[in-house]
C-alpha atoms as a PDB file:
ATOM      1  CA  UNK A   1      71.453 111.242  45.824  1.00  0.00           C
ATOM      2  CA  UNK A   2      70.282 108.520  43.427  1.00  0.00           C
ATOM      3  CA  UNK A   3      66.817 110.073  43.380  1.00  0.00           C
ATOM      4  CA  UNK A   4      68.326 113.354  42.201  1.00  0.00           C
ATOM      5  CA  UNK A   5      69.956 111.581  39.286  1.00  0.00           C
ATOM      6  CA  UNK A   6      66.721 109.886  38.266  1.00  0.00           C
ATOM      7  CA  UNK A   7      64.710 113.099  38.401  1.00  0.00           C
ATOM      8  CA  UNK A   8      63.911 114.562  34.994  1.00  0.00           C
ATOM      9  CA  UNK A   9      65.728 117.819  34.406  1.00  0.00           C
ATOM     10  CA  UNK A  10      63.658 120.810  33.358  1.00  0.00           C
ATOM     11  CA  UNK A  11      63.421 120.607  29.606  1.00  0.00           C
ATOM     12  CA  UNK A  12      65.692 122.728  27.432  1.00  0.00           C
ATOM     13  CA  UNK A  13      64.559 123.665  23.918  1.00  0.00           C
ATOM     14  CA  UNK A  14      66.582 121.559  21.453  1.00  0.00           C
ATOM     15  CA  UNK A  15      68.672 123.315  18.818  1.00  0.00           C
ATOM     16  CA  UNK A  16      66.802 124.659  15.808  1.00  0.00           C
ATOM     17  CA  UNK A  17      67.804 123.617  12.300  1.00  0.00           C
ATOM     18  CA  UNK A  18      71.066 125.317  11.353  1.00  0.00           C
ATOM     19  CA  UNK A  19      71.842 125.923  15.018  1.00  0.00           C
ATOM     20  CA  UNK A  20      74.578 124.346  17.125  1.00  0.00           C
ATOM     21  CA  UNK A  21      74.572 124.429  20.913  1.00  0.00           C
ATOM     22  CA  UNK A  22      78.068 124.303  22.390  1.00  0.00           C
ATOM     23  CA  UNK A  23      78.499 123.461  26.074  1.00  0.00           C
ATOM     24  CA  UNK A  24      81.764 124.052  27.926  1.00  0.00           C
ATOM     25  CA  UNK A  25      82.926 122.650  31.268  1.00  0.00           C
ATOM     26  CA  UNK A  26      86.157 123.642  33.036  1.00  0.00           C
ATOM     27  CA  UNK A  27      87.236 120.839  35.348  1.00  0.00           C
ATOM     28  CA  UNK A  28      88.880 123.225  37.825  1.00  0.00           C
ATOM     29  CA  UNK A  29      85.331 124.283  38.764  1.00  0.00           C
ATOM     30  CA  UNK A  30      84.380 120.712  39.661  1.00  0.00           C
ATOM     31  CA  UNK A  31      86.812 120.152  42.514  1.00  0.00           C
ATOM     32  CA  UNK A  32      84.273 119.571  45.306  1.00  0.00           C
ATOM     33  CA  UNK A  33      84.004 115.908  46.285  1.00  0.00           C
ATOM     34  CA  UNK A  34      80.209 115.974  46.329  1.00  0.00           C
ATOM     35  CA  UNK A  35      80.145 117.371  42.784  1.00  0.00           C
ATOM     36  CA  UNK A  36      82.420 114.618  41.493  1.00  0.00           C
ATOM     37  CA  UNK A  37      80.335 112.032  43.343  1.00  0.00           C
ATOM     38  CA  UNK A  38      77.262 113.375  41.589  1.00  0.00           C
ATOM     39  CA  UNK A  39      78.985 113.138  38.203  1.00  0.00           C
ATOM     40  CA  UNK A  40      79.944 109.525  38.910  1.00  0.00           C
ATOM     41  CA  UNK A  41      76.308 108.638  39.568  1.00  0.00           C
ATOM     42  CA  UNK A  42      75.419 109.819  36.081  1.00  0.00           C
ATOM     43  CA  UNK A  43      77.791 107.489  34.243  1.00  0.00           C
ATOM     44  CA  UNK A  44      76.927 104.035  32.919  1.00  0.00           C
ATOM     45  CA  UNK A  45      78.939 100.977  34.060  1.00  0.00           C
ATOM     46  CA  UNK A  46      81.029 100.883  30.877  1.00  0.00           C
ATOM     47  CA  UNK A  47      81.827 104.596  31.243  1.00  0.00           C
ATOM     48  CA  UNK A  48      82.850 104.067  34.858  1.00  0.00           C
ATOM     49  CA  UNK A  49      85.124 101.225  33.800  1.00  0.00           C
ATOM     50  CA  UNK A  50      86.913 103.519  31.346  1.00  0.00           C
ATOM     51  CA  UNK A  51      87.105 106.232  34.009  1.00  0.00           C
ATOM     52  CA  UNK A  52      88.860 103.875  36.431  1.00  0.00           C
ATOM     53  CA  UNK A  53      91.554 103.039  33.879  1.00  0.00           C
ATOM     54  CA  UNK A  54      92.999 106.562  33.769  1.00  0.00           C
ATOM     55  CA  UNK A  55      96.259 106.771  35.686  1.00  0.00           C
ATOM     56  CA  UNK A  56      96.345 110.501  36.401  1.00  0.00           C
ATOM     57  CA  UNK A  57      93.705 112.186  38.510  1.00  0.00           C
ATOM     58  CA  UNK A  58      93.426 115.145  36.117  1.00  0.00           C
ATOM     59  CA  UNK A  59      92.581 112.786  33.245  1.00  0.00           C
ATOM     60  CA  UNK A  60      90.040 110.886  35.324  1.00  0.00           C
ATOM     61  CA  UNK A  61      88.377 114.117  36.373  1.00  0.00           C
ATOM     62  CA  UNK A  62      88.243 115.443  32.811  1.00  0.00           C
ATOM     63  CA  UNK A  63      86.677 112.232  31.494  1.00  0.00           C
ATOM     64  CA  UNK A  64      84.183 112.160  34.366  1.00  0.00           C
ATOM     65  CA  UNK A  65      83.033 115.746  33.902  1.00  0.00           C
ATOM     66  CA  UNK A  66      82.859 115.441  30.111  1.00  0.00           C
ATOM     67  CA  UNK A  67      80.667 112.354  30.089  1.00  0.00           C
ATOM     68  CA  UNK A  68      78.459 113.576  32.914  1.00  0.00           C
ATOM     69  CA  UNK A  69      77.877 116.728  30.868  1.00  0.00           C
ATOM     70  CA  UNK A  70      76.860 114.677  27.823  1.00  0.00           C
ATOM     71  CA  UNK A  71      74.255 112.772  29.801  1.00  0.00           C
ATOM     72  CA  UNK A  72      72.822 115.759  31.649  1.00  0.00           C
ATOM     73  CA  UNK A  73      72.619 118.038  28.624  1.00  0.00           C
ATOM     74  CA  UNK A  74      71.085 115.471  26.271  1.00  0.00           C
ATOM     75  CA  UNK A  75      68.642 114.391  28.974  1.00  0.00           C
ATOM     76  CA  UNK A  76      67.579 118.010  29.435  1.00  0.00           C
ATOM     77  CA  UNK A  77      66.880 118.404  25.717  1.00  0.00           C
ATOM     78  CA  UNK A  78      64.891 115.161  25.650  1.00  0.00           C
ATOM     79  CA  UNK A  79      63.177 115.608  29.048  1.00  0.00           C
ATOM     80  CA  UNK A  80      64.176 112.152  30.237  1.00  0.00           C
ATOM     81  CA  UNK A  81      66.333 110.822  33.052  1.00  0.00           C
ATOM     82  CA  UNK A  82      70.076 110.740  32.216  1.00  0.00           C
ATOM     83  CA  UNK A  83      70.380 107.006  32.840  1.00  0.00           C
ATOM     84  CA  UNK A  84      67.785 106.291  30.133  1.00  0.00           C
ATOM     85  CA  UNK A  85      70.176 107.498  27.470  1.00  0.00           C
ATOM     86  CA  UNK A  86      71.811 104.769  25.428  1.00  0.00           C
ATOM     87  CA  UNK A  87      74.701 105.123  23.021  1.00  0.00           C
ATOM     88  CA  UNK A  88      76.040 102.953  20.221  1.00  0.00           C
ATOM     89  CA  UNK A  89      79.186 103.307  18.148  1.00  0.00           C
ATOM     90  CA  UNK A  90      78.937 103.651  14.386  1.00  0.00           C
ATOM     91  CA  UNK A  91      81.099 101.488  12.118  1.00  0.00           C
ATOM     92  CA  UNK A  92      84.057 103.841  12.676  1.00  0.00           C
ATOM     93  CA  UNK A  93      83.656 104.012  16.458  1.00  0.00           C
ATOM     94  CA  UNK A  94      81.881 107.359  16.864  1.00  0.00           C
ATOM     95  CA  UNK A  95      79.329 107.295  19.731  1.00  0.00           C
ATOM     96  CA  UNK A  96      75.782 108.119  18.658  1.00  0.00           C
ATOM     97  CA  UNK A  97      72.531 108.471  20.564  1.00  0.00           C
ATOM     98  CA  UNK A  98      70.168 105.497  20.352  1.00  0.00           C
ATOM     99  CA  UNK A  99      66.803 107.108  19.643  1.00  0.00           C
ATOM    100  CA  UNK A 100      63.627 105.912  21.294  1.00  0.00           C
ATOM    101  CA  UNK A 101      60.334 106.263  19.371  1.00  0.00           C
ATOM    102  CA  UNK A 102      59.299 109.905  19.252  1.00  0.00           C
ATOM    103  CA  UNK A 103      62.709 111.289  20.178  1.00  0.00           C
ATOM    104  CA  UNK A 104      64.003 114.215  18.111  1.00  0.00           C
ATOM    105  CA  UNK A 105      67.036 113.481  15.965  1.00  0.00           C
ATOM    106  CA  UNK A 106      69.731 115.018  18.149  1.00  0.00           C
ATOM    107  CA  UNK A 107      73.350 114.519  17.181  1.00  0.00           C
ATOM    108  CA  UNK A 108      76.322 115.328  19.351  1.00  0.00           C
ATOM    109  CA  UNK A 109      80.062 115.281  19.556  1.00  0.00           C
ATOM    110  CA  UNK A 110      82.460 115.593  22.477  1.00  0.00           C
ATOM    111  CA  UNK A 111      86.040 116.798  22.851  1.00  0.00           C
ATOM    112  CA  UNK A 112      88.288 117.562  25.797  1.00  0.00           C
ATOM    113  CA  UNK A 113      91.803 118.829  26.341  1.00  0.00           C
ATOM    114  CA  UNK A 114      93.734 119.879  29.432  1.00  0.00           C
ATOM    115  CA  UNK A 115      90.993 120.957  31.806  1.00  0.00           C
ATOM    116  CA  UNK A 116      88.281 121.834  29.282  1.00  0.00           C
ATOM    117  CA  UNK A 117      85.469 119.660  27.934  1.00  0.00           C
ATOM    118  CA  UNK A 118      83.372 120.811  24.970  1.00  0.00           C
ATOM    119  CA  UNK A 119      80.116 119.319  23.693  1.00  0.00           C
ATOM    120  CA  UNK A 120      78.183 120.245  20.550  1.00  0.00           C
ATOM    121  CA  UNK A 121      74.546 119.273  19.969  1.00  0.00           C
ATOM    122  CA  UNK A 122      72.646 119.775  16.706  1.00  0.00           C
ATOM    123  CA  UNK A 123      69.293 118.701  15.259  1.00  0.00           C
ATOM    124  CA  UNK A 124      69.247 116.328  12.284  1.00  0.00           C
ATOM    125  CA  UNK A 125      72.689 117.476  11.141  1.00  0.00           C
ATOM    126  CA  UNK A 126      76.142 115.944  11.377  1.00  0.00           C
ATOM    127  CA  UNK A 127      78.298 117.910  13.796  1.00  0.00           C
ATOM    128  CA  UNK A 128      81.825 117.720  15.128  1.00  0.00           C
ATOM    129  CA  UNK A 129      83.849 119.612  17.698  1.00  0.00           C
ATOM    130  CA  UNK A 130      87.498 119.687  18.694  1.00  0.00           C
ATOM    131  CA  UNK A 131      89.272 121.597  21.436  1.00  0.00           C
ATOM    132  CA  UNK A 132      93.027 121.789  21.887  1.00  0.00           C
ATOM    133  CA  UNK A 133      95.229 123.320  24.561  1.00  0.00           C
ATOM    134  CA  UNK A 134      98.226 125.456  23.633  1.00  0.00           C
ATOM    135  CA  UNK A 135     101.401 123.377  23.743  1.00  0.00           C
ATOM    136  CA  UNK A 136     104.709 122.800  21.988  1.00  0.00           C
ATOM    137  CA  UNK A 137     104.320 120.334  19.140  1.00  0.00           C
ATOM    138  CA  UNK A 138     107.857 119.124  18.524  1.00  0.00           C
ATOM    139  CA  UNK A 139     108.712 118.503  14.866  1.00  0.00           C
ATOM    140  CA  UNK A 140     106.194 120.897  13.345  1.00  0.00           C
ATOM    141  CA  UNK A 141     107.590 120.514   9.833  1.00  0.00           C
ATOM    142  CA  UNK A 142     107.045 116.753   9.880  1.00  0.00           C
ATOM    143  CA  UNK A 143     103.527 117.098  11.268  1.00  0.00           C
ATOM    144  CA  UNK A 144     102.609 119.763   8.733  1.00  0.00           C
ATOM    145  CA  UNK A 145     103.906 117.594   5.918  1.00  0.00           C
ATOM    146  CA  UNK A 146     101.659 114.738   6.995  1.00  0.00           C
ATOM    147  CA  UNK A 147      98.342 116.512   7.624  1.00  0.00           C
ATOM    148  CA  UNK A 148      98.292 119.916   5.886  1.00  0.00           C
ATOM    149  CA  UNK A 149      97.579 120.753   2.272  1.00  0.00           C
ATOM    150  CA  UNK A 150     100.152 122.662   0.232  1.00  0.00           C
ATOM    151  CA  UNK A 151      98.182 125.898   0.672  1.00  0.00           C
ATOM    152  CA  UNK A 152      97.992 125.395   4.438  1.00  0.00           C
ATOM    153  CA  UNK A 153     101.727 124.752   4.636  1.00  0.00           C
ATOM    154  CA  UNK A 154     102.416 127.915   2.648  1.00  0.00           C
ATOM    155  CA  UNK A 155     100.216 129.862   5.053  1.00  0.00           C
ATOM    156  CA  UNK A 156     101.991 128.360   8.066  1.00  0.00           C
ATOM    157  CA  UNK A 157     105.539 129.028   6.867  1.00  0.00           C
ATOM    158  CA  UNK A 158     104.762 132.656   6.066  1.00  0.00           C
ATOM    159  CA  UNK A 159     104.066 133.286   9.744  1.00  0.00           C
ATOM    160  CA  UNK A 160     106.739 134.255  12.302  1.00  0.00           C
ATOM    161  CA  UNK A 161     108.241 131.264  14.105  1.00  0.00           C
ATOM    162  CA  UNK A 162     106.576 132.201  17.394  1.00  0.00           C
ATOM    163  CA  UNK A 163     103.101 132.028  15.829  1.00  0.00           C
ATOM    164  CA  UNK A 164     103.344 128.744  13.963  1.00  0.00           C
ATOM    165  CA  UNK A 165     102.527 126.338  16.802  1.00  0.00           C
ATOM    166  CA  UNK A 166      99.298 128.137  17.613  1.00  0.00           C
ATOM    167  CA  UNK A 167      98.374 128.517  13.945  1.00  0.00           C
ATOM    168  CA  UNK A 168      98.881 124.800  13.377  1.00  0.00           C
ATOM    169  CA  UNK A 169      96.565 123.983  16.284  1.00  0.00           C
ATOM    170  CA  UNK A 170      93.910 126.300  14.838  1.00  0.00           C
ATOM    171  CA  UNK A 171      94.018 124.407  11.546  1.00  0.00           C
ATOM    172  CA  UNK A 172      94.210 121.056  13.323  1.00  0.00           C
ATOM    173  CA  UNK A 173      91.023 121.688  15.322  1.00  0.00           C
ATOM    174  CA  UNK A 174      89.116 122.521  12.149  1.00  0.00           C
ATOM    175  CA  UNK A 175      90.307 119.327  10.484  1.00  0.00           C
ATOM    176  CA  UNK A 176      89.427 117.250  13.538  1.00  0.00           C
ATOM    177  CA  UNK A 177      85.983 118.862  13.830  1.00  0.00           C
ATOM    178  CA  UNK A 178      85.224 117.993  10.206  1.00  0.00           C
ATOM    179  CA  UNK A 179      86.530 114.426  10.510  1.00  0.00           C
ATOM    180  CA  UNK A 180      84.445 113.883  13.647  1.00  0.00           C
ATOM    181  CA  UNK A 181      81.337 115.341  12.017  1.00  0.00           C
ATOM    182  CA  UNK A 182      81.695 113.033   9.017  1.00  0.00           C
ATOM    183  CA  UNK A 183      82.081 110.170  11.478  1.00  0.00           C
ATOM    184  CA  UNK A 184      84.702 108.194   9.578  1.00  0.00           C
ATOM    185  CA  UNK A 185      87.554 108.621  12.016  1.00  0.00           C
ATOM    186  CA  UNK A 186      91.057 108.580  10.596  1.00  0.00           C
ATOM    187  CA  UNK A 187      89.985 106.564   7.562  1.00  0.00           C
ATOM    188  CA  UNK A 188      89.950 109.924   5.770  1.00  0.00           C
ATOM    189  CA  UNK A 189      93.374 111.486   5.329  1.00  0.00           C
ATOM    190  CA  UNK A 190      93.728 114.971   6.798  1.00  0.00           C
ATOM    191  CA  UNK A 191      95.745 116.269   3.851  1.00  0.00           C
ATOM    192  CA  UNK A 192      92.830 115.591   1.464  1.00  0.00           C
ATOM    193  CA  UNK A 193      91.037 118.746   2.550  1.00  0.00           C
ATOM    194  CA  UNK A 194      92.133 122.153   3.769  1.00  0.00           C
ATOM    195  CA  UNK A 195      90.861 125.410   5.189  1.00  0.00           C
ATOM    196  CA  UNK A 196      91.017 129.043   4.217  1.00  0.00           C
ATOM    197  CA  UNK A 197      91.193 131.005   7.454  1.00  0.00           C
ATOM    198  CA  UNK A 198      89.684 134.439   7.834  1.00  0.00           C
ATOM    199  CA  UNK A 199      86.479 136.119   8.902  1.00  0.00           C
ATOM    200  CA  UNK A 200      84.581 133.324   7.124  1.00  0.00           C
ATOM    201  CA  UNK A 201      86.170 129.890   7.389  1.00  0.00           C
ATOM    202  CA  UNK A 202      85.742 127.712   4.308  1.00  0.00           C
ATOM    203  CA  UNK A 203      86.779 124.174   3.467  1.00  0.00           C
ATOM    204  CA  UNK A 204      88.436 123.084   0.240  1.00  0.00           C
ATOM    205  CA  UNK A 205      88.446 119.472  -0.909  1.00  0.00           C
ATOM    206  CA  UNK A 206      91.065 117.833  -3.066  1.00  0.00           C
ATOM    207  CA  UNK A 207      89.903 116.505  -6.434  1.00  0.00           C
ATOM    208  CA  UNK A 208      88.024 113.234  -6.106  1.00  0.00           C
ATOM    209  CA  UNK A 209      86.889 113.628  -2.498  1.00  0.00           C
ATOM    210  CA  UNK A 210      83.155 112.940  -2.404  1.00  0.00           C
ATOM    211  CA  UNK A 211      81.863 115.894  -0.406  1.00  0.00           C
ATOM    212  CA  UNK A 212      80.508 119.355  -1.167  1.00  0.00           C
ATOM    213  CA  UNK A 213      82.077 122.395   0.473  1.00  0.00           C
ATOM    214  CA  UNK A 214      78.776 124.285   0.345  1.00  0.00           C
ATOM    215  CA  UNK A 215      77.160 121.756   2.676  1.00  0.00           C
ATOM    216  CA  UNK A 216      79.475 122.635   5.555  1.00  0.00           C
ATOM    217  CA  UNK A 217      79.659 125.497   8.021  1.00  0.00           C
ATOM    218  CA  UNK A 218      82.551 126.105  10.415  1.00  0.00           C
ATOM    219  CA  UNK A 219      83.212 128.257  13.437  1.00  0.00           C
ATOM    220  CA  UNK A 220      86.230 128.815  15.655  1.00  0.00           C
ATOM    221  CA  UNK A 221      86.378 130.238  19.152  1.00  0.00           C
ATOM    222  CA  UNK A 222      88.927 130.772  21.908  1.00  0.00           C
ATOM    223  CA  UNK A 223      87.225 129.835  25.197  1.00  0.00           C
ATOM    224  CA  UNK A 224      90.373 130.763  27.123  1.00  0.00           C
ATOM    225  CA  UNK A 225      93.803 132.241  26.369  1.00  0.00           C
ATOM    226  CA  UNK A 226      95.324 128.773  26.007  1.00  0.00           C
ATOM    227  CA  UNK A 227      92.529 126.854  24.274  1.00  0.00           C
ATOM    228  CA  UNK A 228      91.172 126.874  20.730  1.00  0.00           C
ATOM    229  CA  UNK A 229      87.876 125.290  19.729  1.00  0.00           C
ATOM    230  CA  UNK A 230      86.529 124.464  16.274  1.00  0.00           C
ATOM    231  CA  UNK A 231      83.056 123.417  15.218  1.00  0.00           C
ATOM    232  CA  UNK A 232      81.770 121.779  12.028  1.00  0.00           C
ATOM    233  CA  UNK A 233      78.106 121.460  11.036  1.00  0.00           C
ATOM    234  CA  UNK A 234      76.632 119.958   7.884  1.00  0.00           C
ATOM    235  CA  UNK A 235      74.238 122.758   6.985  1.00  0.00           C
ATOM    236  CA  UNK A 236      73.685 124.653   3.780  1.00  0.00           C
ATOM    237  CA  UNK A 237      71.626 127.288   5.580  1.00  0.00           C
ATOM    238  CA  UNK A 238      74.310 128.982   7.671  1.00  0.00           C
ATOM    239  CA  UNK A 239      75.351 128.392  11.246  1.00  0.00           C
ATOM    240  CA  UNK A 240      74.130 129.962  14.457  1.00  0.00           C
ATOM    241  CA  UNK A 241      76.235 128.969  17.474  1.00  0.00           C
ATOM    242  CA  UNK A 242      74.903 129.215  21.016  1.00  0.00           C
ATOM    243  CA  UNK A 243      77.602 128.892  23.683  1.00  0.00           C
ATOM    244  CA  UNK A 244      76.818 127.870  27.261  1.00  0.00           C
ATOM    245  CA  UNK A 245      78.789 126.787  30.301  1.00  0.00           C
ATOM    246  CA  UNK A 246      77.693 123.621  32.053  1.00  0.00           C
ATOM    247  CA  UNK A 247      77.423 123.211  35.798  1.00  0.00           C
ATOM    248  CA  UNK A 248      75.839 120.120  37.399  1.00  0.00           C
ATOM    249  CA  UNK A 249      72.584 120.058  39.368  1.00  0.00           C
ATOM    250  CA  UNK A 250      71.294 123.304  37.923  1.00  0.00           C
ATOM    251  CA  UNK A 251      68.051 123.750  36.083  1.00  0.00           C
ATOM    252  CA  UNK A 252      67.010 125.855  33.109  1.00  0.00           C
ATOM    253  CA  UNK A 253      69.798 127.196  30.905  1.00  0.00           C
ATOM    254  CA  UNK A 254      72.589 125.294  32.649  1.00  0.00           C
ATOM    255  CA  UNK A 255      71.040 121.794  32.523  1.00  0.00           C
END
C-alpha cells in the first residue's frame, strides 16, 4: 500500500490563468475501510495528529477525506508524490504550498461542511472557497447586524421568512470565500464589504478599504440540494470554473 502512495500520479494539466479548478468529495462515498486506510497513508504526521483529535467519526472522516484530496490533487498537477508536498501557514494562518524550484505557482483553498469537502486550485492568483450546509442559524437578526452591509440586510429582510436562512448562507459563503482568498482571516471585518447577487455576482467595498472590485471574480454553485458553495478568484480577466469530483486511487481526470 505504501508503494501506491509514493507512486507519481498521472499528471493533470494545471489550471490556466483566469481558470479555477474546483474539486468536490462527498464523504458518504468513502465509507470502505480500505479507502479510508488509503487516505490516512496520504496525510503527514501533523495532519494525522489533528485527525485523531476529532471526537465524532463524521468529523474525522470529513477531515481525512478533505486533506487526502488536497495532497492527491496537488500532486497530480505537479507530477510528484503526495508526501513530497509541504505546506506553511502565512502570517494569518492560511496554509500555502511550499514551492520547490521549478514548480508552477499553484494556489489552493479548502473548505468542508457536513459531508462535503471542496478544494479550489488556481495558477498565480489568490483564490478562496467556502461551502456551507443548510441549517437553522438561530438569531439571524443579530448575525446579520454583525456581518452584513446595510444593502445586504435590506435585501435579506425583503425576502419571505422561509427564505432568509438560505439567503444568509449564500451571502456568507461569498464573504468567506473572499476573506480566505485575501488570506487575512478574520482580521478584516465582514461588514466592510458586500455583494450584489444576481446573474453576475459583484463585490462592493466600503470607503477606505484598500482593494479594487474589478480585480475580483466570484461564482456560486449548489453541489447538492442542501449545500451552497462560493468561489473567489483575484482575476481581472474573467473566471472559468472547472468542476470535478474526486475519488482516490484513480488516474487521469479524477486524480
